[in-house]
PDB file of all heavy atoms in Angstrom:
ATOM      1  N   PRO A   1      17.561 190.104 140.294  1.00  0.00           N
ATOM      2  CA  PRO A   1      16.180 189.966 140.784  1.00  0.00           C
ATOM      3  C   PRO A   1      16.116 188.962 141.956  1.00  0.00           C
ATOM      4  O   PRO A   1      17.087 188.312 142.307  1.00  0.00           O
ATOM      5  CB  PRO A   1      15.518 189.379 139.507  1.00  0.00           C
ATOM      6  CG  PRO A   1      16.338 189.706 138.389  1.00  0.00           C
ATOM      7  CD  PRO A   1      17.734 189.727 138.901  1.00  0.00           C
ATOM      8  N   LYS A   2      14.935 188.913 142.578  1.00  0.00           N
ATOM      9  CA  LYS A   2      14.719 188.085 143.653  1.00  0.00           C
ATOM     10  C   LYS A   2      14.957 186.595 143.298  1.00  0.00           C
ATOM     11  O   LYS A   2      14.690 186.138 142.244  1.00  0.00           O
ATOM     12  CB  LYS A   2      13.243 188.193 144.195  1.00  0.00           C
ATOM     13  CG  LYS A   2      12.919 187.379 145.395  1.00  0.00           C
ATOM     14  CD  LYS A   2      11.422 187.597 145.754  1.00  0.00           C
ATOM     15  CE  LYS A   2      11.125 186.704 146.988  1.00  0.00           C
ATOM     16  NZ  LYS A   2       9.643 186.844 147.311  1.00  0.00           N
ATOM     17  N   ASP A   3      15.625 185.916 144.243  1.00  0.00           N
ATOM     18  CA  ASP A   3      15.997 184.468 144.078  1.00  0.00           C
ATOM     19  C   ASP A   3      16.976 184.270 143.048  1.00  0.00           C
ATOM     20  O   ASP A   3      17.113 183.139 142.496  1.00  0.00           O
ATOM     21  CB  ASP A   3      14.777 183.657 143.864  1.00  0.00           C
ATOM     22  CG  ASP A   3      13.732 183.740 145.003  1.00  0.00           C
ATOM     23  OD1 ASP A   3      14.203 183.867 146.177  1.00  0.00           O
ATOM     24  OD2 ASP A   3      12.522 183.646 144.737  1.00  0.00           O
ATOM     25  N   ARG A   4      17.739 185.240 142.596  1.00  0.00           N
ATOM     26  CA  ARG A   4      18.816 185.151 141.630  1.00  0.00           C
ATOM     27  C   ARG A   4      20.140 185.600 142.298  1.00  0.00           C
ATOM     28  O   ARG A   4      20.102 186.574 143.065  1.00  0.00           O
ATOM     29  CB  ARG A   4      18.539 185.995 140.381  1.00  0.00           C
ATOM     30  CG  ARG A   4      17.333 185.576 139.649  1.00  0.00           C
ATOM     31  CD  ARG A   4      17.448 184.279 138.934  1.00  0.00           C
ATOM     32  NE  ARG A   4      16.344 184.009 138.041  1.00  0.00           N
ATOM     33  CZ  ARG A   4      15.219 183.413 138.319  1.00  0.00           C
ATOM     34  NH1 ARG A   4      15.045 183.020 139.600  1.00  0.00           N
ATOM     35  NH2 ARG A   4      14.277 183.179 137.420  1.00  0.00           N
ATOM     36  N   ARG A   5      21.232 184.855 141.973  1.00  0.00           N
ATOM     37  CA  ARG A   5      22.515 185.245 142.576  1.00  0.00           C
ATOM     38  C   ARG A   5      23.581 185.323 141.507  1.00  0.00           C
ATOM     39  O   ARG A   5      23.586 184.502 140.591  1.00  0.00           O
ATOM     40  CB  ARG A   5      22.858 184.197 143.679  1.00  0.00           C
ATOM     41  CG  ARG A   5      21.821 184.062 144.750  1.00  0.00           C
ATOM     42  CD  ARG A   5      22.196 183.070 145.833  1.00  0.00           C
ATOM     43  NE  ARG A   5      21.134 182.992 146.842  1.00  0.00           N
ATOM     44  CZ  ARG A   5      21.200 182.244 147.908  1.00  0.00           C
ATOM     45  NH1 ARG A   5      22.269 181.531 148.138  1.00  0.00           N
ATOM     46  NH2 ARG A   5      20.173 182.175 148.760  1.00  0.00           N
ATOM     47  N   LEU A   6      24.454 186.298 141.638  1.00  0.00           N
ATOM     48  CA  LEU A   6      25.406 186.586 140.617  1.00  0.00           C
ATOM     49  C   LEU A   6      26.768 186.836 141.203  1.00  0.00           C
ATOM     50  O   LEU A   6      26.905 187.636 142.144  1.00  0.00           O
ATOM     51  CB  LEU A   6      24.974 187.812 139.749  1.00  0.00           C
ATOM     52  CG  LEU A   6      25.948 188.276 138.691  1.00  0.00           C
ATOM     53  CD1 LEU A   6      26.177 187.200 137.663  1.00  0.00           C
ATOM     54  CD2 LEU A   6      25.381 189.595 138.032  1.00  0.00           C
ATOM     55  N   LEU A   7      27.784 186.154 140.682  1.00  0.00           N
ATOM     56  CA  LEU A   7      29.158 186.442 141.069  1.00  0.00           C
ATOM     57  C   LEU A   7      29.937 186.916 139.842  1.00  0.00           C
ATOM     58  O   LEU A   7      29.805 186.305 138.732  1.00  0.00           O
ATOM     59  CB  LEU A   7      29.844 185.128 141.575  1.00  0.00           C
ATOM     60  CG  LEU A   7      31.329 185.145 141.954  1.00  0.00           C
ATOM     61  CD1 LEU A   7      31.634 186.173 142.970  1.00  0.00           C
ATOM     62  CD2 LEU A   7      31.813 183.753 142.346  1.00  0.00           C
ATOM     63  N   ILE A   8      30.689 188.031 140.014  1.00  0.00           N
ATOM     64  CA  ILE A   8      31.417 188.631 138.878  1.00  0.00           C
ATOM     65  C   ILE A   8      32.910 188.559 139.183  1.00  0.00           C
ATOM     66  O   ILE A   8      33.374 188.999 140.266  1.00  0.00           O
ATOM     67  CB  ILE A   8      31.009 190.100 138.666  1.00  0.00           C
ATOM     68  CG1 ILE A   8      29.504 190.248 138.475  1.00  0.00           C
ATOM     69  CG2 ILE A   8      31.767 190.729 137.497  1.00  0.00           C
ATOM     70  CD1 ILE A   8      28.979 191.633 138.473  1.00  0.00           C
ATOM     71  N   PHE A   9      33.695 187.942 138.289  1.00  0.00           N
ATOM     72  CA  PHE A   9      35.105 188.021 138.295  1.00  0.00           C
ATOM     73  C   PHE A   9      35.571 188.864 137.124  1.00  0.00           C
ATOM     74  O   PHE A   9      35.185 188.664 135.971  1.00  0.00           O
ATOM     75  CB  PHE A   9      35.747 186.569 138.092  1.00  0.00           C
ATOM     76  CG  PHE A   9      35.594 185.679 139.296  1.00  0.00           C
ATOM     77  CD1 PHE A   9      34.990 184.442 139.199  1.00  0.00           C
ATOM     78  CD2 PHE A   9      36.114 186.034 140.553  1.00  0.00           C
ATOM     79  CE1 PHE A   9      34.874 183.614 140.299  1.00  0.00           C
ATOM     80  CE2 PHE A   9      36.012 185.262 141.622  1.00  0.00           C
ATOM     81  CZ  PHE A   9      35.373 183.976 141.487  1.00  0.00           C
ATOM     82  N   ALA A  10      36.387 189.897 137.439  1.00  0.00           N
ATOM     83  CA  ALA A  10      36.981 190.766 136.395  1.00  0.00           C
ATOM     84  C   ALA A  10      38.501 190.772 136.564  1.00  0.00           C
ATOM     85  O   ALA A  10      38.990 190.635 137.639  1.00  0.00           O
ATOM     86  CB  ALA A  10      36.393 192.138 136.503  1.00  0.00           C
ATOM     87  N   THR A  11      39.122 190.926 135.441  1.00  0.00           N
ATOM     88  CA  THR A  11      40.601 191.012 135.467  1.00  0.00           C
ATOM     89  C   THR A  11      41.084 192.347 134.870  1.00  0.00           C
ATOM     90  O   THR A  11      40.409 192.885 134.007  1.00  0.00           O
ATOM     91  CB  THR A  11      41.211 189.875 134.675  1.00  0.00           C
ATOM     92  OG1 THR A  11      41.009 190.056 133.267  1.00  0.00           O
ATOM     93  CG2 THR A  11      40.654 188.518 135.066  1.00  0.00           C
ATOM     94  N   THR A  12      42.217 192.790 135.344  1.00  0.00           N
ATOM     95  CA  THR A  12      42.780 194.051 134.813  1.00  0.00           C
ATOM     96  C   THR A  12      44.308 194.158 135.089  1.00  0.00           C
ATOM     97  O   THR A  12      44.770 193.586 136.070  1.00  0.00           O
ATOM     98  CB  THR A  12      42.089 195.283 135.428  1.00  0.00           C
ATOM     99  OG1 THR A  12      42.640 196.513 134.848  1.00  0.00           O
ATOM    100  CG2 THR A  12      42.334 195.387 136.912  1.00  0.00           C
ATOM    101  N   THR A  13      44.987 194.860 134.259  1.00  0.00           N
ATOM    102  CA  THR A  13      46.394 195.181 134.446  1.00  0.00           C
ATOM    103  C   THR A  13      46.513 196.630 134.827  1.00  0.00           C
ATOM    104  O   THR A  13      47.618 197.131 135.024  1.00  0.00           O
ATOM    105  CB  THR A  13      47.206 194.906 133.176  1.00  0.00           C
ATOM    106  OG1 THR A  13      46.673 195.701 132.078  1.00  0.00           O
ATOM    107  CG2 THR A  13      47.181 193.448 132.789  1.00  0.00           C
ATOM    108  N   GLU A  14      45.423 197.405 134.905  1.00  0.00           N
ATOM    109  CA  GLU A  14      45.424 198.784 135.174  1.00  0.00           C
ATOM    110  C   GLU A  14      44.586 199.120 136.370  1.00  0.00           C
ATOM    111  O   GLU A  14      43.566 199.850 136.326  1.00  0.00           O
ATOM    112  CB  GLU A  14      44.921 199.572 133.939  1.00  0.00           C
ATOM    113  CG  GLU A  14      45.682 199.276 132.659  1.00  0.00           C
ATOM    114  CD  GLU A  14      47.075 199.962 132.689  1.00  0.00           C
ATOM    115  OE1 GLU A  14      47.342 200.754 133.612  1.00  0.00           O
ATOM    116  OE2 GLU A  14      47.828 199.738 131.758  1.00  0.00           O
ATOM    117  N   ARG A  15      44.996 198.652 137.514  1.00  0.00           N
ATOM    118  CA  ARG A  15      44.220 198.848 138.774  1.00  0.00           C
ATOM    119  C   ARG A  15      44.146 200.316 139.095  1.00  0.00           C
ATOM    120  O   ARG A  15      43.098 200.872 139.479  1.00  0.00           O
ATOM    121  CB  ARG A  15      44.843 198.082 139.889  1.00  0.00           C
ATOM    122  CG  ARG A  15      44.070 198.142 141.232  1.00  0.00           C
ATOM    123  CD  ARG A  15      44.692 197.216 142.242  1.00  0.00           C
ATOM    124  NE  ARG A  15      43.925 197.295 143.504  1.00  0.00           N
ATOM    125  CZ  ARG A  15      44.046 198.172 144.476  1.00  0.00           C
ATOM    126  NH1 ARG A  15      44.942 199.144 144.384  1.00  0.00           N
ATOM    127  NH2 ARG A  15      43.273 198.042 145.579  1.00  0.00           N
ATOM    128  N   SER A  16      45.199 201.038 138.877  1.00  0.00           N
ATOM    129  CA  SER A  16      45.222 202.423 139.196  1.00  0.00           C
ATOM    130  C   SER A  16      44.305 203.247 138.280  1.00  0.00           C
ATOM    131  O   SER A  16      43.652 204.193 138.729  1.00  0.00           O
ATOM    132  CB  SER A  16      46.668 203.019 139.034  1.00  0.00           C
ATOM    133  OG  SER A  16      47.126 202.845 137.728  1.00  0.00           O
ATOM    134  N   VAL A  17      44.146 202.852 137.064  1.00  0.00           N
ATOM    135  CA  VAL A  17      43.201 203.444 136.136  1.00  0.00           C
ATOM    136  C   VAL A  17      41.841 203.277 136.623  1.00  0.00           C
ATOM    137  O   VAL A  17      40.998 204.242 136.620  1.00  0.00           O
ATOM    138  CB  VAL A  17      43.385 202.940 134.693  1.00  0.00           C
ATOM    139  CG1 VAL A  17      42.293 203.425 133.784  1.00  0.00           C
ATOM    140  CG2 VAL A  17      44.747 203.306 134.138  1.00  0.00           C
ATOM    141  N   LEU A  18      41.438 202.066 137.027  1.00  0.00           N
ATOM    142  CA  LEU A  18      40.124 201.823 137.558  1.00  0.00           C
ATOM    143  C   LEU A  18      39.816 202.679 138.763  1.00  0.00           C
ATOM    144  O   LEU A  18      38.676 203.094 138.987  1.00  0.00           O
ATOM    145  CB  LEU A  18      39.965 200.290 137.897  1.00  0.00           C
ATOM    146  CG  LEU A  18      39.416 199.392 136.779  1.00  0.00           C
ATOM    147  CD1 LEU A  18      40.308 199.518 135.488  1.00  0.00           C
ATOM    148  CD2 LEU A  18      39.355 197.988 137.289  1.00  0.00           C
ATOM    149  N   SER A  19      40.845 202.867 139.591  1.00  0.00           N
ATOM    150  CA  SER A  19      40.644 203.694 140.761  1.00  0.00           C
ATOM    151  C   SER A  19      40.426 205.142 140.387  1.00  0.00           C
ATOM    152  O   SER A  19      39.528 205.826 140.908  1.00  0.00           O
ATOM    153  CB  SER A  19      41.906 203.616 141.662  1.00  0.00           C
ATOM    154  OG  SER A  19      41.805 204.446 142.791  1.00  0.00           O
ATOM    155  N   GLN A  20      41.166 205.655 139.396  1.00  0.00           N
ATOM    156  CA  GLN A  20      40.961 207.042 138.903  1.00  0.00           C
ATOM    157  C   GLN A  20      39.638 207.275 138.339  1.00  0.00           C
ATOM    158  O   GLN A  20      38.999 208.340 138.469  1.00  0.00           O
ATOM    159  CB  GLN A  20      42.030 207.423 137.870  1.00  0.00           C
ATOM    160  CG  GLN A  20      43.468 207.424 138.398  1.00  0.00           C
ATOM    161  CD  GLN A  20      44.459 207.577 137.271  1.00  0.00           C
ATOM    162  OE1 GLN A  20      44.178 208.228 136.234  1.00  0.00           O
ATOM    163  NE2 GLN A  20      45.618 206.942 137.416  1.00  0.00           N
ATOM    164  N   LEU A  21      39.064 206.250 137.635  1.00  0.00           N
ATOM    165  CA  LEU A  21      37.750 206.363 136.971  1.00  0.00           C
ATOM    166  C   LEU A  21      36.589 205.954 137.870  1.00  0.00           C
ATOM    167  O   LEU A  21      35.477 205.804 137.424  1.00  0.00           O
ATOM    168  CB  LEU A  21      37.767 205.548 135.708  1.00  0.00           C
ATOM    169  CG  LEU A  21      38.764 205.940 134.620  1.00  0.00           C
ATOM    170  CD1 LEU A  21      38.686 204.957 133.434  1.00  0.00           C
ATOM    171  CD2 LEU A  21      38.501 207.301 134.165  1.00  0.00           C
ATOM    172  N   ASP A  22      36.882 205.789 139.158  1.00  0.00           N
ATOM    173  CA  ASP A  22      35.845 205.447 140.134  1.00  0.00           C
ATOM    174  C   ASP A  22      35.183 204.130 139.812  1.00  0.00           C
ATOM    175  O   ASP A  22      33.964 203.891 140.155  1.00  0.00           O
ATOM    176  CB  ASP A  22      34.790 206.554 140.196  1.00  0.00           C
ATOM    177  CG  ASP A  22      33.880 206.459 141.450  1.00  0.00           C
ATOM    178  OD1 ASP A  22      34.435 206.022 142.505  1.00  0.00           O
ATOM    179  OD2 ASP A  22      32.705 206.791 141.375  1.00  0.00           O
ATOM    180  N   LEU A  23      35.852 203.232 139.200  1.00  0.00           N
ATOM    181  CA  LEU A  23      35.323 201.872 138.946  1.00  0.00           C
ATOM    182  C   LEU A  23      35.815 200.867 139.967  1.00  0.00           C
ATOM    183  O   LEU A  23      35.089 199.897 140.225  1.00  0.00           O
ATOM    184  CB  LEU A  23      35.752 201.482 137.540  1.00  0.00           C
ATOM    185  CG  LEU A  23      35.096 200.170 136.987  1.00  0.00           C
ATOM    186  CD1 LEU A  23      33.628 200.304 136.942  1.00  0.00           C
ATOM    187  CD2 LEU A  23      35.651 199.819 135.589  1.00  0.00           C
ATOM    188  N   LEU A  24      36.931 201.161 140.568  1.00  0.00           N
ATOM    189  CA  LEU A  24      37.512 200.176 141.517  1.00  0.00           C
ATOM    190  C   LEU A  24      36.582 199.934 142.709  1.00  0.00           C
ATOM    191  O   LEU A  24      36.425 198.775 143.186  1.00  0.00           O
ATOM    192  CB  LEU A  24      38.895 200.578 141.999  1.00  0.00           C
ATOM    193  CG  LEU A  24      39.620 199.704 142.958  1.00  0.00           C
ATOM    194  CD1 LEU A  24      39.901 198.321 142.277  1.00  0.00           C
ATOM    195  CD2 LEU A  24      41.005 200.339 143.375  1.00  0.00           C
ATOM    196  N   ARG A  25      35.981 201.006 143.185  1.00  0.00           N
ATOM    197  CA  ARG A  25      35.185 200.838 144.385  1.00  0.00           C
ATOM    198  C   ARG A  25      33.868 200.084 144.095  1.00  0.00           C
ATOM    199  O   ARG A  25      33.088 199.779 145.027  1.00  0.00           O
ATOM    200  CB  ARG A  25      34.869 202.188 145.030  1.00  0.00           C
ATOM    201  CG  ARG A  25      33.935 203.114 144.256  1.00  0.00           C
ATOM    202  CD  ARG A  25      33.786 204.450 144.924  1.00  0.00           C
ATOM    203  NE  ARG A  25      32.774 205.254 144.290  1.00  0.00           N
ATOM    204  CZ  ARG A  25      31.471 205.230 144.554  1.00  0.00           C
ATOM    205  NH1 ARG A  25      30.993 204.440 145.450  1.00  0.00           N
ATOM    206  NH2 ARG A  25      30.659 206.089 143.923  1.00  0.00           N
ATOM    207  N   ARG A  26      33.512 199.822 142.897  1.00  0.00           N
ATOM    208  CA  ARG A  26      32.365 199.086 142.512  1.00  0.00           C
ATOM    209  C   ARG A  26      32.521 197.573 142.858  1.00  0.00           C
ATOM    210  O   ARG A  26      31.562 196.845 142.899  1.00  0.00           O
ATOM    211  CB  ARG A  26      31.988 199.258 141.037  1.00  0.00           C
ATOM    212  CG  ARG A  26      31.872 200.696 140.575  1.00  0.00           C
ATOM    213  CD  ARG A  26      30.652 201.323 141.058  1.00  0.00           C
ATOM    214  NE  ARG A  26      30.604 202.770 140.730  1.00  0.00           N
ATOM    215  CZ  ARG A  26      29.515 203.589 140.766  1.00  0.00           C
ATOM    216  NH1 ARG A  26      28.370 202.978 141.144  1.00  0.00           N
ATOM    217  NH2 ARG A  26      29.541 204.839 140.476  1.00  0.00           N
ATOM    218  N   PHE A  27      33.780 197.191 143.054  1.00  0.00           N
ATOM    219  CA  PHE A  27      34.067 195.751 143.315  1.00  0.00           C
ATOM    220  C   PHE A  27      34.024 195.558 144.846  1.00  0.00           C
ATOM    221  O   PHE A  27      34.522 196.402 145.614  1.00  0.00           O
ATOM    222  CB  PHE A  27      35.403 195.370 142.762  1.00  0.00           C
ATOM    223  CG  PHE A  27      35.407 195.308 141.232  1.00  0.00           C
ATOM    224  CD1 PHE A  27      35.811 196.374 140.478  1.00  0.00           C
ATOM    225  CD2 PHE A  27      35.015 194.093 140.622  1.00  0.00           C
ATOM    226  CE1 PHE A  27      35.750 196.326 139.124  1.00  0.00           C
ATOM    227  CE2 PHE A  27      35.043 194.064 139.205  1.00  0.00           C
ATOM    228  CZ  PHE A  27      35.448 195.131 138.484  1.00  0.00           C
ATOM    229  N   ASN A  28      33.502 194.477 145.255  1.00  0.00           N
ATOM    230  CA  ASN A  28      33.432 194.060 146.680  1.00  0.00           C
ATOM    231  C   ASN A  28      34.840 193.665 147.231  1.00  0.00           C
ATOM    232  O   ASN A  28      35.055 193.772 148.452  1.00  0.00           O
ATOM    233  CB  ASN A  28      32.421 193.035 146.923  1.00  0.00           C
ATOM    234  CG  ASN A  28      31.017 193.404 146.431  1.00  0.00           C
ATOM    235  OD1 ASN A  28      30.469 192.794 145.575  1.00  0.00           O
ATOM    236  ND2 ASN A  28      30.457 194.437 147.057  1.00  0.00           N
ATOM    237  N   ALA A  29      35.652 193.081 146.351  1.00  0.00           N
ATOM    238  CA  ALA A  29      36.932 192.601 146.771  1.00  0.00           C
ATOM    239  C   ALA A  29      37.927 192.565 145.643  1.00  0.00           C
ATOM    240  O   ALA A  29      37.510 192.634 144.473  1.00  0.00           O
ATOM    241  CB  ALA A  29      36.783 191.153 147.363  1.00  0.00           C
ATOM    242  N   SER A  30      39.189 192.593 145.935  1.00  0.00           N
ATOM    243  CA  SER A  30      40.184 192.538 144.937  1.00  0.00           C
ATOM    244  C   SER A  30      41.306 191.514 145.390  1.00  0.00           C
ATOM    245  O   SER A  30      41.620 191.403 146.535  1.00  0.00           O
ATOM    246  CB  SER A  30      40.852 193.914 144.701  1.00  0.00           C
ATOM    247  OG  SER A  30      41.500 194.401 145.836  1.00  0.00           O
ATOM    248  N   ILE A  31      41.785 190.801 144.348  1.00  0.00           N
ATOM    249  CA  ILE A  31      42.861 189.779 144.619  1.00  0.00           C
ATOM    250  C   ILE A  31      44.024 190.085 143.743  1.00  0.00           C
ATOM    251  O   ILE A  31      43.927 190.102 142.547  1.00  0.00           O
ATOM    252  CB  ILE A  31      42.286 188.381 144.289  1.00  0.00           C
ATOM    253  CG1 ILE A  31      41.011 188.064 145.136  1.00  0.00           C
ATOM    254  CG2 ILE A  31      43.395 187.367 144.543  1.00  0.00           C
ATOM    255  CD1 ILE A  31      40.371 186.720 144.789  1.00  0.00           C
ATOM    256  N   PRO A  32      45.241 190.325 144.340  1.00  0.00           N
ATOM    257  CA  PRO A  32      46.446 190.553 143.497  1.00  0.00           C
ATOM    258  C   PRO A  32      46.917 189.228 142.950  1.00  0.00           C
ATOM    259  O   PRO A  32      46.947 188.211 143.652  1.00  0.00           O
ATOM    260  CB  PRO A  32      47.402 191.206 144.537  1.00  0.00           C
ATOM    261  CG  PRO A  32      46.984 190.731 145.829  1.00  0.00           C
ATOM    262  CD  PRO A  32      45.463 190.569 145.743  1.00  0.00           C
ATOM    263  N   VAL A  33      47.376 189.252 141.742  1.00  0.00           N
ATOM    264  CA  VAL A  33      47.925 188.044 141.072  1.00  0.00           C
ATOM    265  C   VAL A  33      49.346 188.447 140.683  1.00  0.00           C
ATOM    266  O   VAL A  33      49.546 189.154 139.652  1.00  0.00           O
ATOM    267  CB  VAL A  33      47.135 187.643 139.829  1.00  0.00           C
ATOM    268  CG1 VAL A  33      47.784 186.372 139.211  1.00  0.00           C
ATOM    269  CG2 VAL A  33      45.667 187.375 140.214  1.00  0.00           C
ATOM    270  N   PRO A  34      50.400 187.992 141.427  1.00  0.00           N
ATOM    271  CA  PRO A  34      51.785 188.377 141.136  1.00  0.00           C
ATOM    272  C   PRO A  34      52.410 187.594 139.962  1.00  0.00           C
ATOM    273  O   PRO A  34      51.876 186.576 139.592  1.00  0.00           O
ATOM    274  CB  PRO A  34      52.474 188.133 142.419  1.00  0.00           C
ATOM    275  CG  PRO A  34      51.733 186.993 143.044  1.00  0.00           C
ATOM    276  CD  PRO A  34      50.356 187.177 142.655  1.00  0.00           C
ATOM    277  N   ASN A  35      53.525 188.080 139.485  1.00  0.00           N
ATOM    278  CA  ASN A  35      54.382 187.353 138.523  1.00  0.00           C
ATOM    279  C   ASN A  35      55.083 186.276 139.250  1.00  0.00           C
ATOM    280  O   ASN A  35      55.095 186.067 140.467  1.00  0.00           O
ATOM    281  CB  ASN A  35      55.378 188.308 137.891  1.00  0.00           C
ATOM    282  CG  ASN A  35      54.743 189.138 136.761  1.00  0.00           C
ATOM    283  OD1 ASN A  35      53.766 188.707 136.166  1.00  0.00           O
ATOM    284  ND2 ASN A  35      55.288 190.319 136.542  1.00  0.00           N
ATOM    285  N   VAL A  36      55.781 185.391 138.408  1.00  0.00           N
ATOM    286  CA  VAL A  36      56.693 184.408 138.932  1.00  0.00           C
ATOM    287  C   VAL A  36      57.942 185.198 139.468  1.00  0.00           C
ATOM    288  O   VAL A  36      58.600 185.901 138.704  1.00  0.00           O
ATOM    289  CB  VAL A  36      57.138 183.425 137.864  1.00  0.00           C
ATOM    290  CG1 VAL A  36      58.153 182.414 138.391  1.00  0.00           C
ATOM    291  CG2 VAL A  36      55.850 182.670 137.320  1.00  0.00           C
ATOM    292  N   GLN A  37      58.257 185.024 140.734  1.00  0.00           N
ATOM    293  CA  GLN A  37      59.288 185.911 141.359  1.00  0.00           C
ATOM    294  C   GLN A  37      60.636 185.226 141.582  1.00  0.00           C
ATOM    295  O   GLN A  37      61.665 185.800 141.306  1.00  0.00           O
ATOM    296  CB  GLN A  37      58.713 186.463 142.688  1.00  0.00           C
ATOM    297  CG  GLN A  37      57.503 187.285 142.582  1.00  0.00           C
ATOM    298  CD  GLN A  37      57.737 188.614 141.893  1.00  0.00           C
ATOM    299  OE1 GLN A  37      58.869 189.053 141.719  1.00  0.00           O
ATOM    300  NE2 GLN A  37      56.666 189.263 141.411  1.00  0.00           N
TER     301      GLN A  37
END
């Protein structure tokens, strides 16, 4: 609503699944989190 602001952080291990289900494009940005290499 007007004068309200919302930030959403979501986590997943199945990025490809989100892409197949048309959910990935609902996010404005994505950040990869790698393992200890």
